[in-house]
Amino acid sequence: MCRTCGKVGCCDSSPMRHARAHAVTAGHPIVRSLELGENWSWCYLDEAYV
């Protein structure tokens, strides 16, 4: 889920990589996992966990 606007997109392990595409087109680089039990965020600009 996008940390800026809340848009939900599939991650890079999915074929369409909607979250990455949203980060590039919308300029919202940080996403967080919505998987139960996971508590991480990822920055597409830095290619690193935050």
PDB file of N, CA and C in Angstrom:
ATOM      1  N   MET A   1       0.835  -1.172   0.000  1.00  0.00           N
ATOM      2  CA  MET A   1       0.000   0.000   0.000  1.00  0.00           C
ATOM      3  C   MET A   1       0.890   1.248   0.000  1.00  0.00           C
ATOM      4  N   CYS A   2       0.544   2.208  -0.826  1.00  0.00           N
ATOM      5  CA  CYS A   2       1.289   3.461  -0.911  1.00  0.00           C
ATOM      6  C   CYS A   2       1.161   4.223   0.404  1.00  0.00           C
ATOM      7  N   ARG A   3       2.305   4.646   0.959  1.00  0.00           N
ATOM      8  CA  ARG A   3       2.294   5.380   2.222  1.00  0.00           C
ATOM      9  C   ARG A   3       1.833   6.829   2.035  1.00  0.00           C
ATOM     10  N   THR A   4       1.789   7.307   0.800  1.00  0.00           N
ATOM     11  CA  THR A   4       1.360   8.676   0.538  1.00  0.00           C
ATOM     12  C   THR A   4      -0.146   8.779   0.342  1.00  0.00           C
ATOM     13  N   CYS A   5      -0.700   7.930  -0.530  1.00  0.00           N
ATOM     14  CA  CYS A   5      -2.113   8.080  -0.881  1.00  0.00           C
ATOM     15  C   CYS A   5      -2.992   6.872  -0.548  1.00  0.00           C
ATOM     16  N   GLY A   6      -2.389   5.747  -0.152  1.00  0.00           N
ATOM     17  CA  GLY A   6      -3.172   4.572   0.214  1.00  0.00           C
ATOM     18  C   GLY A   6      -3.513   3.626  -0.917  1.00  0.00           C
ATOM     19  N   LYS A   7      -3.072   3.920  -2.135  1.00  0.00           N
ATOM     20  CA  LYS A   7      -3.353   3.030  -3.268  1.00  0.00           C
ATOM     21  C   LYS A   7      -2.706   1.667  -3.010  1.00  0.00           C
ATOM     22  N   VAL A   8      -3.436   0.616  -3.304  1.00  0.00           N
ATOM     23  CA  VAL A   8      -2.932  -0.740  -3.114  1.00  0.00           C
ATOM     24  C   VAL A   8      -2.552  -1.325  -4.467  1.00  0.00           C
ATOM     25  N   GLY A   9      -1.334  -1.843  -4.561  1.00  0.00           N
ATOM     26  CA  GLY A   9      -0.857  -2.469  -5.794  1.00  0.00           C
ATOM     27  C   GLY A   9      -0.004  -3.669  -5.472  1.00  0.00           C
ATOM     28  N   CYS A  10       0.090  -4.590  -6.424  1.00  0.00           N
ATOM     29  CA  CYS A  10       0.889  -5.797  -6.197  1.00  0.00           C
ATOM     30  C   CYS A  10       2.385  -5.461  -6.210  1.00  0.00           C
ATOM     31  N   CYS A  11       3.150  -6.266  -5.509  1.00  0.00           N
ATOM     32  CA  CYS A  11       4.582  -6.001  -5.338  1.00  0.00           C
ATOM     33  C   CYS A  11       5.404  -6.548  -6.511  1.00  0.00           C
ATOM     34  N   ASP A  12       6.709  -6.410  -6.414  1.00  0.00           N
ATOM     35  CA  ASP A  12       7.599  -6.834  -7.499  1.00  0.00           C
ATOM     36  C   ASP A  12       7.642  -8.346  -7.699  1.00  0.00           C
ATOM     37  N   SER A  13       7.188  -9.117  -6.733  1.00  0.00           N
ATOM     38  CA  SER A  13       7.162 -10.568  -6.931  1.00  0.00           C
ATOM     39  C   SER A  13       5.951 -10.997  -7.762  1.00  0.00           C
ATOM     40  N   SER A  14       5.059 -10.062  -8.052  1.00  0.00           N
ATOM     41  CA  SER A  14       3.911 -10.317  -8.925  1.00  0.00           C
ATOM     42  C   SER A  14       4.244  -9.838 -10.337  1.00  0.00           C
ATOM     43  N   PRO A  15       3.681 -10.479 -11.356  1.00  0.00           N
ATOM     44  CA  PRO A  15       4.050 -10.161 -12.742  1.00  0.00           C
ATOM     45  C   PRO A  15       3.835  -8.707 -13.179  1.00  0.00           C
ATOM     46  N   MET A  16       2.779  -8.050 -12.710  1.00  0.00           N
ATOM     47  CA  MET A  16       2.463  -6.717 -13.213  1.00  0.00           C
ATOM     48  C   MET A  16       3.131  -5.578 -12.439  1.00  0.00           C
ATOM     49  N   ARG A  17       3.615  -5.838 -11.237  1.00  0.00           N
ATOM     50  CA  ARG A  17       4.348  -4.849 -10.435  1.00  0.00           C
ATOM     51  C   ARG A  17       3.635  -3.497 -10.349  1.00  0.00           C
ATOM     52  N   HIS A  18       2.356  -3.521 -10.000  1.00  0.00           N
ATOM     53  CA  HIS A  18       1.558  -2.297  -9.946  1.00  0.00           C
ATOM     54  C   HIS A  18       2.076  -1.281  -8.931  1.00  0.00           C
ATOM     55  N   ALA A  19       2.607  -1.742  -7.803  1.00  0.00           N
ATOM     56  CA  ALA A  19       3.102  -0.803  -6.787  1.00  0.00           C
ATOM     57  C   ALA A  19       4.297  -0.012  -7.320  1.00  0.00           C
ATOM     58  N   ARG A  20       5.202  -0.677  -8.019  1.00  0.00           N
ATOM     59  CA  ARG A  20       6.366   0.013  -8.602  1.00  0.00           C
ATOM     60  C   ARG A  20       5.911   1.011  -9.670  1.00  0.00           C
ATOM     61  N   ALA A  21       4.973   0.614 -10.504  1.00  0.00           N
ATOM     62  CA  ALA A  21       4.475   1.510 -11.549  1.00  0.00           C
ATOM     63  C   ALA A  21       3.839   2.751 -10.918  1.00  0.00           C
ATOM     64  N   HIS A  22       3.082   2.565  -9.851  1.00  0.00           N
ATOM     65  CA  HIS A  22       2.469   3.701  -9.165  1.00  0.00           C
ATOM     66  C   HIS A  22       3.549   4.615  -8.579  1.00  0.00           C
ATOM     67  N   ALA A  23       4.574   4.040  -7.991  1.00  0.00           N
ATOM     68  CA  ALA A  23       5.664   4.837  -7.412  1.00  0.00           C
ATOM     69  C   ALA A  23       6.308   5.720  -8.471  1.00  0.00           C
ATOM     70  N   VAL A  24       6.501   5.176  -9.659  1.00  0.00           N
ATOM     71  CA  VAL A  24       7.147   5.927 -10.742  1.00  0.00           C
ATOM     72  C   VAL A  24       6.208   6.997 -11.304  1.00  0.00           C
ATOM     73  N   THR A  25       4.976   6.631 -11.617  1.00  0.00           N
ATOM     74  CA  THR A  25       4.072   7.568 -12.277  1.00  0.00           C
ATOM     75  C   THR A  25       3.524   8.637 -11.331  1.00  0.00           C
ATOM     76  N   ALA A  26       3.249   8.264 -10.085  1.00  0.00           N
ATOM     77  CA  ALA A  26       2.663   9.213  -9.132  1.00  0.00           C
ATOM     78  C   ALA A  26       3.720   9.953  -8.320  1.00  0.00           C
ATOM     79  N   GLY A  27       4.942   9.420  -8.312  1.00  0.00           N
ATOM     80  CA  GLY A  27       5.985  10.047  -7.512  1.00  0.00           C
ATOM     81  C   GLY A  27       5.836   9.764  -6.026  1.00  0.00           C
ATOM     82  N   HIS A  28       5.220   8.641  -5.701  1.00  0.00           N
ATOM     83  CA  HIS A  28       5.028   8.210  -4.312  1.00  0.00           C
ATOM     84  C   HIS A  28       5.925   6.987  -4.089  1.00  0.00           C
ATOM     85  N   PRO A  29       7.155   7.168  -3.615  1.00  0.00           N
ATOM     86  CA  PRO A  29       8.122   6.082  -3.615  1.00  0.00           C
ATOM     87  C   PRO A  29       8.026   5.067  -2.482  1.00  0.00           C
ATOM     88  N   ILE A  30       7.272   5.342  -1.412  1.00  0.00           N
ATOM     89  CA  ILE A  30       7.308   4.436  -0.260  1.00  0.00           C
ATOM     90  C   ILE A  30       5.991   3.677  -0.127  1.00  0.00           C
ATOM     91  N   VAL A  31       6.119   2.356  -0.017  1.00  0.00           N
ATOM     92  CA  VAL A  31       4.976   1.464   0.171  1.00  0.00           C
ATOM     93  C   VAL A  31       5.177   0.666   1.445  1.00  0.00           C
ATOM     94  N   ARG A  32       4.071   0.105   1.934  1.00  0.00           N
ATOM     95  CA  ARG A  32       4.177  -0.793   3.078  1.00  0.00           C
ATOM     96  C   ARG A  32       3.413  -2.069   2.779  1.00  0.00           C
ATOM     97  N   SER A  33       3.822  -3.140   3.436  1.00  0.00           N
ATOM     98  CA  SER A  33       3.161  -4.423   3.237  1.00  0.00           C
ATOM     99  C   SER A  33       1.796  -4.428   3.912  1.00  0.00           C
ATOM    100  N   LEU A  34       0.847  -5.112   3.277  1.00  0.00           N
ATOM    101  CA  LEU A  34      -0.468  -5.329   3.875  1.00  0.00           C
ATOM    102  C   LEU A  34      -0.649  -6.785   4.291  1.00  0.00           C
ATOM    103  N   GLU A  35       0.390  -7.592   4.128  1.00  0.00           N
ATOM    104  CA  GLU A  35       0.316  -9.002   4.510  1.00  0.00           C
ATOM    105  C   GLU A  35       0.181  -9.122   6.029  1.00  0.00           C
ATOM    106  N   LEU A  36      -0.701  -9.987   6.463  1.00  0.00           N
ATOM    107  CA  LEU A  36      -0.920 -10.220   7.880  1.00  0.00           C
ATOM    108  C   LEU A  36       0.386 -10.645   8.552  1.00  0.00           C
ATOM    109  N   GLY A  37       0.750  -9.983   9.628  1.00  0.00           N
ATOM    110  CA  GLY A  37       1.961 -10.311  10.367  1.00  0.00           C
ATOM    111  C   GLY A  37       3.222  -9.635   9.860  1.00  0.00           C
ATOM    112  N   GLU A  38       3.142  -8.898   8.757  1.00  0.00           N
ATOM    113  CA  GLU A  38       4.307  -8.196   8.232  1.00  0.00           C
ATOM    114  C   GLU A  38       4.219  -6.715   8.585  1.00  0.00           C
ATOM    115  N   ASN A  39       5.369  -6.132   8.915  1.00  0.00           N
ATOM    116  CA  ASN A  39       5.407  -4.736   9.305  1.00  0.00           C
ATOM    117  C   ASN A  39       6.646  -4.083   8.695  1.00  0.00           C
ATOM    118  N   TRP A  40       6.645  -3.899   7.374  1.00  0.00           N
ATOM    119  CA  TRP A  40       7.792  -3.288   6.718  1.00  0.00           C
ATOM    120  C   TRP A  40       7.326  -2.295   5.667  1.00  0.00           C
ATOM    121  N   SER A  41       8.224  -1.372   5.347  1.00  0.00           N
ATOM    122  CA  SER A  41       8.010  -0.404   4.266  1.00  0.00           C
ATOM    123  C   SER A  41       9.204  -0.485   3.326  1.00  0.00           C
ATOM    124  N   TRP A  42       8.982  -0.118   2.060  1.00  0.00           N
ATOM    125  CA  TRP A  42      10.003  -0.193   1.024  1.00  0.00           C
ATOM    126  C   TRP A  42      10.042   1.122   0.258  1.00  0.00           C
ATOM    127  N   CYS A  43      11.231   1.628  -0.020  1.00  0.00           N
ATOM    128  CA  CYS A  43      11.389   2.836  -0.818  1.00  0.00           C
ATOM    129  C   CYS A  43      11.896   2.452  -2.195  1.00  0.00           C
ATOM    130  N   TYR A  44      11.117   2.752  -3.227  1.00  0.00           N
ATOM    131  CA  TYR A  44      11.512   2.433  -4.588  1.00  0.00           C
ATOM    132  C   TYR A  44      12.645   3.337  -5.096  1.00  0.00           C
ATOM    133  N   LEU A  45      12.777   4.532  -4.555  1.00  0.00           N
ATOM    134  CA  LEU A  45      13.884   5.412  -4.958  1.00  0.00           C
ATOM    135  C   LEU A  45      15.234   4.854  -4.483  1.00  0.00           C
ATOM    136  N   ASP A  46      15.270   4.456  -3.225  1.00  0.00           N
ATOM    137  CA  ASP A  46      16.517   3.963  -2.632  1.00  0.00           C
ATOM    138  C   ASP A  46      16.694   2.454  -2.772  1.00  0.00           C
ATOM    139  N   GLU A  47      15.614   1.762  -3.221  1.00  0.00           N
ATOM    140  CA  GLU A  47      15.636   0.305  -3.311  1.00  0.00           C
ATOM    141  C   GLU A  47      16.080  -0.294  -1.978  1.00  0.00           C
ATOM    142  N   ALA A  48      15.394   0.155  -0.896  1.00  0.00           N
ATOM    143  CA  ALA A  48      15.776  -0.274   0.449  1.00  0.00           C
ATOM    144  C   ALA A  48      14.560  -0.249   1.378  1.00  0.00           C
ATOM    145  N   TYR A  49      14.622  -1.091   2.418  1.00  0.00           N
ATOM    146  CA  TYR A  49      13.599  -1.057   3.463  1.00  0.00           C
ATOM    147  C   TYR A  49      13.778   0.217   4.276  1.00  0.00           C
ATOM    148  N   VAL A  50      12.661   0.775   4.722  1.00  0.00           N
ATOM    149  CA  VAL A  50      12.706   1.962   5.584  1.00  0.00           C
ATOM    150  C   VAL A  50      11.888   1.720   6.833  1.00  0.00           C
TER     151      VAL A  50
END
